[in-house]
PDB file of N, CA and C in Angstrom:
ATOM      1  N   MET A   1     -14.517  10.665  -8.690  1.00  0.00           N
ATOM      2  CA  MET A   1     -15.357  10.125  -9.739  1.00  0.00           C
ATOM      3  C   MET A   1     -16.804  10.179  -9.264  1.00  0.00           C
ATOM      4  N   SER A   2     -17.685  10.592 -10.108  1.00  0.00           N
ATOM      5  CA  SER A   2     -19.081  10.714  -9.710  1.00  0.00           C
ATOM      6  C   SER A   2     -19.721   9.337  -9.597  1.00  0.00           C
ATOM      7  N   ALA A   3     -20.828   9.269  -8.861  1.00  0.00           N
ATOM      8  CA  ALA A   3     -21.505   7.996  -8.612  1.00  0.00           C
ATOM      9  C   ALA A   3     -21.934   7.319  -9.908  1.00  0.00           C
ATOM     10  N   GLU A   4     -22.353   8.103 -10.885  1.00  0.00           N
ATOM     11  CA  GLU A   4     -22.813   7.498 -12.140  1.00  0.00           C
ATOM     12  C   GLU A   4     -21.663   6.979 -12.996  1.00  0.00           C
ATOM     13  N   HIS A   5     -20.422   7.405 -12.709  1.00  0.00           N
ATOM     14  CA  HIS A   5     -19.254   6.958 -13.472  1.00  0.00           C
ATOM     15  C   HIS A   5     -18.308   6.097 -12.648  1.00  0.00           C
ATOM     16  N   GLU A   6     -18.788   5.565 -11.533  1.00  0.00           N
ATOM     17  CA  GLU A   6     -17.934   4.742 -10.693  1.00  0.00           C
ATOM     18  C   GLU A   6     -17.584   3.445 -11.397  1.00  0.00           C
ATOM     19  N   LEU A   7     -16.352   3.004 -11.173  1.00  0.00           N
ATOM     20  CA  LEU A   7     -15.909   1.730 -11.711  1.00  0.00           C
ATOM     21  C   LEU A   7     -16.412   0.608 -10.821  1.00  0.00           C
ATOM     22  N   PRO A   8     -16.622  -0.581 -11.392  1.00  0.00           N
ATOM     23  CA  PRO A   8     -16.973  -1.727 -10.547  1.00  0.00           C
ATOM     24  C   PRO A   8     -15.821  -1.992  -9.572  1.00  0.00           C
ATOM     25  N   ARG A   9     -16.082  -2.658  -8.485  1.00  0.00           N
ATOM     26  CA  ARG A   9     -15.021  -2.940  -7.498  1.00  0.00           C
ATOM     27  C   ARG A   9     -13.929  -3.810  -8.087  1.00  0.00           C
ATOM     28  N   LEU A  10     -14.296  -4.758  -8.952  1.00  0.00           N
ATOM     29  CA  LEU A  10     -13.324  -5.605  -9.633  1.00  0.00           C
ATOM     30  C   LEU A  10     -13.492  -5.435 -11.131  1.00  0.00           C
ATOM     31  N   LEU A  11     -12.379  -5.231 -11.811  1.00  0.00           N
ATOM     32  CA  LEU A  11     -12.407  -5.076 -13.261  1.00  0.00           C
ATOM     33  C   LEU A  11     -11.780  -6.297 -13.922  1.00  0.00           C
ATOM     34  N   THR A  12     -12.372  -6.736 -15.022  1.00  0.00           N
ATOM     35  CA  THR A  12     -11.833  -7.856 -15.786  1.00  0.00           C
ATOM     36  C   THR A  12     -10.872  -7.325 -16.845  1.00  0.00           C
ATOM     37  N   VAL A  13     -10.148  -8.223 -17.453  1.00  0.00           N
ATOM     38  CA  VAL A  13      -9.234  -7.867 -18.539  1.00  0.00           C
ATOM     39  C   VAL A  13     -10.007  -7.195 -19.676  1.00  0.00           C
ATOM     40  N   GLU A  14     -11.173  -7.719 -19.981  1.00  0.00           N
ATOM     41  CA  GLU A  14     -11.982  -7.157 -21.067  1.00  0.00           C
ATOM     42  C   GLU A  14     -12.424  -5.730 -20.748  1.00  0.00           C
ATOM     43  N   GLN A  15     -12.831  -5.503 -19.497  1.00  0.00           N
ATOM     44  CA  GLN A  15     -13.245  -4.161 -19.091  1.00  0.00           C
ATOM     45  C   GLN A  15     -12.079  -3.183 -19.149  1.00  0.00           C
ATOM     46  N   LEU A  16     -10.902  -3.623 -18.718  1.00  0.00           N
ATOM     47  CA  LEU A  16      -9.716  -2.759 -18.769  1.00  0.00           C
ATOM     48  C   LEU A  16      -9.326  -2.445 -20.211  1.00  0.00           C
ATOM     49  N   ALA A  17      -9.388  -3.443 -21.082  1.00  0.00           N
ATOM     50  CA  ALA A  17      -9.060  -3.220 -22.492  1.00  0.00           C
ATOM     51  C   ALA A  17     -10.014  -2.203 -23.105  1.00  0.00           C
ATOM     52  N   SER A  18     -11.267  -2.287 -22.768  1.00  0.00           N
ATOM     53  CA  SER A  18     -12.249  -1.325 -23.264  1.00  0.00           C
ATOM     54  C   SER A  18     -11.981   0.069 -22.699  1.00  0.00           C
ATOM     55  N   LEU A  19     -11.669   0.128 -21.412  1.00  0.00           N
ATOM     56  CA  LEU A  19     -11.395   1.396 -20.746  1.00  0.00           C
ATOM     57  C   LEU A  19     -10.167   2.090 -21.332  1.00  0.00           C
ATOM     58  N   PHE A  20      -9.101   1.329 -21.595  1.00  0.00           N
ATOM     59  CA  PHE A  20      -7.853   1.891 -22.110  1.00  0.00           C
ATOM     60  C   PHE A  20      -7.756   1.847 -23.631  1.00  0.00           C
ATOM     61  N   VAL A  21      -8.777   1.325 -24.292  1.00  0.00           N
ATOM     62  CA  VAL A  21      -8.837   1.211 -25.755  1.00  0.00           C
ATOM     63  C   VAL A  21      -7.571   0.517 -26.275  1.00  0.00           C
ATOM     64  N   CYS A  22      -7.388  -0.714 -25.804  1.00  0.00           N
ATOM     65  CA  CYS A  22      -6.267  -1.528 -26.263  1.00  0.00           C
ATOM     66  C   CYS A  22      -6.717  -2.983 -26.256  1.00  0.00           C
ATOM     67  N   SER A  23      -5.827  -3.863 -26.628  1.00  0.00           N
ATOM     68  CA  SER A  23      -6.193  -5.279 -26.706  1.00  0.00           C
ATOM     69  C   SER A  23      -6.150  -5.937 -25.332  1.00  0.00           C
ATOM     70  N   THR A  24      -6.878  -7.033 -25.220  1.00  0.00           N
ATOM     71  CA  THR A  24      -6.853  -7.799 -23.980  1.00  0.00           C
ATOM     72  C   THR A  24      -5.460  -8.397 -23.759  1.00  0.00           C
ATOM     73  N   GLU A  25      -4.766  -8.729 -24.836  1.00  0.00           N
ATOM     74  CA  GLU A  25      -3.408  -9.277 -24.718  1.00  0.00           C
ATOM     75  C   GLU A  25      -2.456  -8.257 -24.110  1.00  0.00           C
ATOM     76  N   LYS A  26      -2.604  -6.984 -24.472  1.00  0.00           N
ATOM     77  CA  LYS A  26      -1.763  -5.925 -23.895  1.00  0.00           C
ATOM     78  C   LYS A  26      -2.021  -5.828 -22.386  1.00  0.00           C
ATOM     79  N   ILE A  27      -3.284  -5.875 -21.982  1.00  0.00           N
ATOM     80  CA  ILE A  27      -3.626  -5.802 -20.561  1.00  0.00           C
ATOM     81  C   ILE A  27      -3.030  -7.002 -19.824  1.00  0.00           C
ATOM     82  N   LYS A  28      -3.173  -8.201 -20.370  1.00  0.00           N
ATOM     83  CA  LYS A  28      -2.614  -9.400 -19.743  1.00  0.00           C
ATOM     84  C   LYS A  28      -1.100  -9.296 -19.619  1.00  0.00           C
ATOM     85  N   ARG A  29      -0.446  -8.800 -20.658  1.00  0.00           N
ATOM     86  CA  ARG A  29       1.004  -8.632 -20.643  1.00  0.00           C
ATOM     87  C   ARG A  29       1.418  -7.653 -19.538  1.00  0.00           C
ATOM     88  N   MET A  30       0.692  -6.543 -19.413  1.00  0.00           N
ATOM     89  CA  MET A  30       0.992  -5.546 -18.388  1.00  0.00           C
ATOM     90  C   MET A  30       0.765  -6.119 -16.990  1.00  0.00           C
ATOM     91  N   LEU A  31      -0.255  -6.937 -16.823  1.00  0.00           N
ATOM     92  CA  LEU A  31      -0.513  -7.582 -15.534  1.00  0.00           C
ATOM     93  C   LEU A  31       0.606  -8.563 -15.189  1.00  0.00           C
ATOM     94  N   ARG A  32       1.023  -9.376 -16.160  1.00  0.00           N
ATOM     95  CA  ARG A  32       2.097 -10.345 -15.921  1.00  0.00           C
ATOM     96  C   ARG A  32       3.401  -9.657 -15.546  1.00  0.00           C
ATOM     97  N   ARG A  33       3.672  -8.511 -16.163  1.00  0.00           N
ATOM     98  CA  ARG A  33       4.914  -7.762 -15.904  1.00  0.00           C
ATOM     99  C   ARG A  33       4.835  -6.917 -14.635  1.00  0.00           C
ATOM    100  N   GLY A  34       3.652  -6.825 -14.042  1.00  0.00           N
ATOM    101  CA  GLY A  34       3.490  -6.011 -12.844  1.00  0.00           C
ATOM    102  C   GLY A  34       3.310  -4.534 -13.151  1.00  0.00           C
ATOM    103  N   GLU A  35       3.028  -4.195 -14.401  1.00  0.00           N
ATOM    104  CA  GLU A  35       2.822  -2.805 -14.800  1.00  0.00           C
ATOM    105  C   GLU A  35       1.434  -2.308 -14.410  1.00  0.00           C
ATOM    106  N   LEU A  36       0.533  -3.225 -14.183  1.00  0.00           N
ATOM    107  CA  LEU A  36      -0.800  -2.926 -13.650  1.00  0.00           C
ATOM    108  C   LEU A  36      -0.990  -3.786 -12.409  1.00  0.00           C
ATOM    109  N   PRO A  37      -1.641  -3.245 -11.381  1.00  0.00           N
ATOM    110  CA  PRO A  37      -1.867  -4.037 -10.170  1.00  0.00           C
ATOM    111  C   PRO A  37      -3.033  -4.991 -10.385  1.00  0.00           C
ATOM    112  N   GLY A  38      -2.814  -6.252 -10.160  1.00  0.00           N
ATOM    113  CA  GLY A  38      -3.911  -7.200 -10.351  1.00  0.00           C
ATOM    114  C   GLY A  38      -3.600  -8.531  -9.703  1.00  0.00           C
ATOM    115  N   PHE A  39      -4.559  -9.423  -9.790  1.00  0.00           N
ATOM    116  CA  PHE A  39      -4.371 -10.764  -9.254  1.00  0.00           C
ATOM    117  C   PHE A  39      -5.110 -11.745 -10.148  1.00  0.00           C
ATOM    118  N   LYS A  40      -4.632 -12.966 -10.099  1.00  0.00           N
ATOM    119  CA  LYS A  40      -5.218 -14.014 -10.908  1.00  0.00           C
ATOM    120  C   LYS A  40      -6.036 -14.926  -9.998  1.00  0.00           C
ATOM    121  N   PHE A  41      -7.246 -15.232 -10.437  1.00  0.00           N
ATOM    122  CA  PHE A  41      -8.116 -16.170  -9.742  1.00  0.00           C
ATOM    123  C   PHE A  41      -8.439 -17.249 -10.756  1.00  0.00           C
ATOM    124  N   GLY A  42      -7.873 -18.428 -10.556  1.00  0.00           N
ATOM    125  CA  GLY A  42      -7.980 -19.466 -11.581  1.00  0.00           C
ATOM    126  C   GLY A  42      -7.195 -19.029 -12.798  1.00  0.00           C
ATOM    127  N   LYS A  43      -7.859 -18.959 -13.934  1.00  0.00           N
ATOM    128  CA  LYS A  43      -7.204 -18.528 -15.171  1.00  0.00           C
ATOM    129  C   LYS A  43      -7.514 -17.075 -15.524  1.00  0.00           C
ATOM    130  N   CYS A  44      -8.287 -16.399 -14.687  1.00  0.00           N
ATOM    131  CA  CYS A  44      -8.738 -15.036 -14.997  1.00  0.00           C
ATOM    132  C   CYS A  44      -8.023 -13.999 -14.146  1.00  0.00           C
ATOM    133  N   TRP A  45      -7.661 -12.885 -14.784  1.00  0.00           N
ATOM    134  CA  TRP A  45      -7.059 -11.748 -14.098  1.00  0.00           C
ATOM    135  C   TRP A  45      -8.143 -10.766 -13.668  1.00  0.00           C
ATOM    136  N   PHE A  46      -7.912 -10.139 -12.516  1.00  0.00           N
ATOM    137  CA  PHE A  46      -8.805  -9.101 -12.006  1.00  0.00           C
ATOM    138  C   PHE A  46      -7.972  -7.953 -11.443  1.00  0.00           C
ATOM    139  N   VAL A  47      -8.531  -6.755 -11.511  1.00  0.00           N
ATOM    140  CA  VAL A  47      -7.895  -5.572 -10.936  1.00  0.00           C
ATOM    141  C   VAL A  47      -8.924  -4.886 -10.054  1.00  0.00           C
ATOM    142  N   ARG A  48      -8.549  -4.586  -8.831  1.00  0.00           N
ATOM    143  CA  ARG A  48      -9.431  -3.827  -7.936  1.00  0.00           C
ATOM    144  C   ARG A  48      -9.436  -2.378  -8.414  1.00  0.00           C
ATOM    145  N   SER A  49     -10.603  -1.786  -8.512  1.00  0.00           N
ATOM    146  CA  SER A  49     -10.704  -0.414  -9.023  1.00  0.00           C
ATOM    147  C   SER A  49      -9.905   0.557  -8.168  1.00  0.00           C
ATOM    148  N   GLU A  50      -9.901   0.371  -6.839  1.00  0.00           N
ATOM    149  CA  GLU A  50      -9.139   1.294  -5.984  1.00  0.00           C
ATOM    150  C   GLU A  50      -7.631   1.155  -6.210  1.00  0.00           C
ATOM    151  N   ASP A  51      -7.160  -0.077  -6.514  1.00  0.00           N
ATOM    152  CA  ASP A  51      -5.737  -0.274  -6.831  1.00  0.00           C
ATOM    153  C   ASP A  51      -5.385   0.396  -8.157  1.00  0.00           C
ATOM    154  N   LEU A  52      -6.283   0.283  -9.129  1.00  0.00           N
ATOM    155  CA  LEU A  52      -6.049   0.910 -10.423  1.00  0.00           C
ATOM    156  C   LEU A  52      -6.009   2.431 -10.286  1.00  0.00           C
ATOM    157  N   GLU A  53      -6.957   2.991  -9.545  1.00  0.00           N
ATOM    158  CA  GLU A  53      -6.981   4.443  -9.347  1.00  0.00           C
ATOM    159  C   GLU A  53      -5.719   4.917  -8.649  1.00  0.00           C
ATOM    160  N   ARG A  54      -5.277   4.180  -7.641  1.00  0.00           N
ATOM    161  CA  ARG A  54      -4.047   4.533  -6.916  1.00  0.00           C
ATOM    162  C   ARG A  54      -2.837   4.470  -7.863  1.00  0.00           C
ATOM    163  N   GLU A  55      -2.772   3.430  -8.674  1.00  0.00           N
ATOM    164  CA  GLU A  55      -1.663   3.271  -9.621  1.00  0.00           C
ATOM    165  C   GLU A  55      -1.645   4.404 -10.644  1.00  0.00           C
ATOM    166  N   LEU A  56      -2.812   4.764 -11.151  1.00  0.00           N
ATOM    167  CA  LEU A  56      -2.868   5.839 -12.142  1.00  0.00           C
ATOM    168  C   LEU A  56      -2.472   7.177 -11.529  1.00  0.00           C
ATOM    169  N   LYS A  57      -2.863   7.418 -10.288  1.00  0.00           N
ATOM    170  CA  LYS A  57      -2.452   8.660  -9.615  1.00  0.00           C
ATOM    171  C   LYS A  57      -0.940   8.685  -9.429  1.00  0.00           C
ATOM    172  N   THR A  58      -0.367   7.545  -9.065  1.00  0.00           N
ATOM    173  CA  THR A  58       1.083   7.447  -8.904  1.00  0.00           C
ATOM    174  C   THR A  58       1.781   7.685 -10.231  1.00  0.00           C
ATOM    175  N   GLU A  59       1.249   7.102 -11.298  1.00  0.00           N
ATOM    176  CA  GLU A  59       1.829   7.278 -12.628  1.00  0.00           C
ATOM    177  C   GLU A  59       1.830   8.744 -13.031  1.00  0.00           C
ATOM    178  N   VAL A  60       0.750   9.445 -12.776  1.00  0.00           N
ATOM    179  CA  VAL A  60       0.630  10.853 -13.142  1.00  0.00           C
ATOM    180  C   VAL A  60       1.608  11.692 -12.328  1.00  0.00           C
ATOM    181  N   HIS A  61       1.679  11.429 -11.014  1.00  0.00           N
ATOM    182  CA  HIS A  61       2.556  12.212 -10.149  1.00  0.00           C
ATOM    183  C   HIS A  61       4.028  11.944 -10.422  1.00  0.00           C
ATOM    184  N   SER A  62       4.373  10.733 -10.824  1.00  0.00           N
ATOM    185  CA  SER A  62       5.774  10.403 -11.084  1.00  0.00           C
ATOM    186  C   SER A  62       6.161  10.675 -12.532  1.00  0.00           C
ATOM    187  N   GLU A  63       5.190  11.024 -13.354  1.00  0.00           N
ATOM    188  CA  GLU A  63       5.378  11.289 -14.778  1.00  0.00           C
ATOM    189  C   GLU A  63       5.847  10.053 -15.538  1.00  0.00           C
ATOM    190  N   ARG A  64       5.634   8.871 -14.944  1.00  0.00           N
ATOM    191  CA  ARG A  64       5.899   7.639 -15.667  1.00  0.00           C
ATOM    192  C   ARG A  64       4.690   7.377 -16.563  1.00  0.00           C
ATOM    193  N   HIS A  65       4.878   6.561 -17.562  1.00  0.00           N
ATOM    194  CA  HIS A  65       3.780   6.251 -18.470  1.00  0.00           C
ATOM    195  C   HIS A  65       3.528   4.756 -18.447  1.00  0.00           C
ATOM    196  N   LEU A  66       2.264   4.396 -18.618  1.00  0.00           N
ATOM    197  CA  LEU A  66       1.929   2.969 -18.690  1.00  0.00           C
ATOM    198  C   LEU A  66       2.394   2.375 -20.010  1.00  0.00           C
ATOM    199  N   ARG A  67       2.527   3.210 -21.013  1.00  0.00           N
ATOM    200  CA  ARG A  67       2.986   2.706 -22.300  1.00  0.00           C
ATOM    201  C   ARG A  67       4.498   2.633 -22.335  1.00  0.00           C
ATOM    202  N   ARG A  68       4.996   1.716 -23.106  1.00  0.00           N
ATOM    203  CA  ARG A  68       6.437   1.550 -23.273  1.00  0.00           C
ATOM    204  C   ARG A  68       6.971   2.735 -24.055  1.00  0.00           C
ATOM    205  N   SER A  69       8.101   3.263 -23.667  1.00  0.00           N
ATOM    206  CA  SER A  69       8.690   4.379 -24.409  1.00  0.00           C
ATOM    207  C   SER A  69       9.320   3.885 -25.690  1.00  0.00           C
ATOM    208  N   ALA A  70       9.324   4.748 -26.702  1.00  0.00           N
ATOM    209  CA  ALA A  70       9.828   4.363 -28.027  1.00  0.00           C
ATOM    210  C   ALA A  70      11.326   4.353 -28.086  1.00  0.00           C
TER     211      ALA A  70
END
């Protein structure tokens, strides 16, 4: 990823929802289920950008999808 398009070190639920063009509730649900790597600090969820990048690379290589299959 180029320097001008680098993700922040920590991403919020709102930032992830914007990035994936989905609702914040979907992101929270995926975090609770362990479908996205993250941690809760108080009442707020956060995802480390390097964990997200690693997870997405794994998803692509394993041909699994973050979305639920129909």
